[in-house]
């Protein structure tokens, strides 16, 4: 019988954490920052064209990822300010 490996997600808060582990930790399958991003996209992207056409700047993506790992409840990261995702 084949055993499935449980991924080592110690030290991780958002990225690389299985959804069932997130459910156990926080009572919801998706991290709060992902839910916030989905709500924001639903509101802002309805009238936008080509929202996902252009890749993010690698350094900004890495900075945002680091911020979200440090504080998974973060709903508005400073790294979002300089791009269209942070504009109101």
Protein backbone atom coordinates (compact mmCIF):
# COMPACT_ATOMS: atom_id res chain seq x y z
CA UNK A 1 0.00 0.00 0.00
CA UNK A 2 1.37 3.38 -1.01
CA UNK A 3 1.65 6.04 1.66
CA UNK A 4 0.96 9.60 0.78
CA UNK A 5 3.49 12.05 2.12
CA UNK A 6 2.24 14.87 4.25
CA UNK A 7 3.97 18.02 3.02
CA UNK A 8 6.19 19.75 5.52
CA UNK A 9 4.53 23.13 5.95
CA UNK A 10 6.20 24.06 9.22
CA UNK A 11 7.27 27.68 9.09
CA UNK A 12 4.83 28.43 6.27
CA UNK A 13 1.64 30.37 6.69
CA UNK A 14 0.18 30.81 3.21
CA UNK A 15 2.20 29.46 0.29
CA UNK A 16 2.77 25.71 0.11
CA UNK A 17 0.26 24.95 2.86
CA UNK A 18 -2.36 22.36 1.87
CA UNK A 19 -5.94 23.62 1.98
CA UNK A 20 -6.95 21.04 4.59
CA UNK A 21 -4.13 22.24 6.88
CA UNK A 22 -5.31 25.83 6.42
CA UNK A 23 -8.84 24.67 7.28
CA UNK A 24 -7.57 23.11 10.51
CA UNK A 25 -5.50 26.16 11.44
CA UNK A 26 -7.95 28.94 10.60
CA UNK A 27 -11.38 27.39 10.09
CA UNK A 28 -11.51 28.24 6.39
CA UNK A 29 -9.88 26.49 3.44
CA UNK A 30 -8.41 29.60 1.83
CA UNK A 31 -6.10 32.11 3.51
CA UNK A 32 -7.71 35.45 4.33
CA UNK A 33 -5.40 37.29 1.91
CA UNK A 34 -6.59 35.04 -0.96
CA UNK A 35 -10.24 35.65 -0.10
CA UNK A 36 -9.56 39.40 -0.02
CA UNK A 37 -7.85 39.25 -3.42
CA UNK A 38 -10.78 37.32 -4.89
CA UNK A 39 -13.30 39.87 -3.57
CA UNK A 40 -11.20 42.73 -4.91
CA UNK A 41 -10.92 41.12 -8.33
CA UNK A 42 -14.66 40.53 -8.47
CA UNK A 43 -15.30 44.22 -7.79
CA UNK A 44 -12.50 45.83 -9.78
CA UNK A 45 -11.95 43.46 -12.67
CA UNK A 46 -15.51 43.27 -13.92
CA UNK A 47 -14.90 46.19 -16.28
CA UNK A 48 -11.16 45.64 -16.79
CA UNK A 49 -9.63 44.10 -19.88
CA UNK A 50 -6.48 42.01 -19.72
CA UNK A 51 -6.09 41.89 -15.95
CA UNK A 52 -3.91 38.76 -16.09
CA UNK A 53 -2.02 39.48 -19.32
CA UNK A 54 1.08 41.03 -17.80
CA UNK A 55 3.24 39.20 -15.28
CA UNK A 56 4.15 40.93 -12.06
CA UNK A 57 7.62 42.29 -11.39
CA UNK A 58 9.55 39.46 -9.76
CA UNK A 59 10.93 41.61 -6.92
CA UNK A 60 7.46 42.97 -6.03
CA UNK A 61 5.94 39.49 -6.14
CA UNK A 62 8.70 38.18 -3.85
CA UNK A 63 8.23 41.11 -1.44
CA UNK A 64 4.47 40.59 -1.32
CA UNK A 65 4.90 36.86 -0.76
CA UNK A 66 7.30 37.54 2.11
CA UNK A 67 4.86 40.01 3.69
CA UNK A 68 1.95 37.57 3.44
CA UNK A 69 4.01 34.74 4.93
CA UNK A 70 4.94 37.00 7.85
CA UNK A 71 1.32 38.15 8.39
CA UNK A 72 -1.29 35.96 6.62
CA UNK A 73 -4.09 38.23 7.83
CA UNK A 74 -2.58 41.18 6.01
CA UNK A 75 -5.28 42.65 3.79
CA UNK A 76 -3.43 45.57 2.32
CA UNK A 77 0.27 45.11 1.81
CA UNK A 78 2.55 48.13 1.23
CA UNK A 79 3.93 46.36 -1.88
CA UNK A 80 0.49 46.72 -3.49
CA UNK A 81 0.56 50.52 -3.35
CA UNK A 82 2.73 51.22 -6.37
CA UNK A 83 0.66 49.07 -8.73
CA UNK A 84 -2.93 49.09 -9.89
CA UNK A 85 -3.83 46.41 -7.33
CA UNK A 86 -3.36 48.91 -4.53
CA UNK A 87 -5.18 51.85 -6.06
CA UNK A 88 -8.61 52.78 -4.78
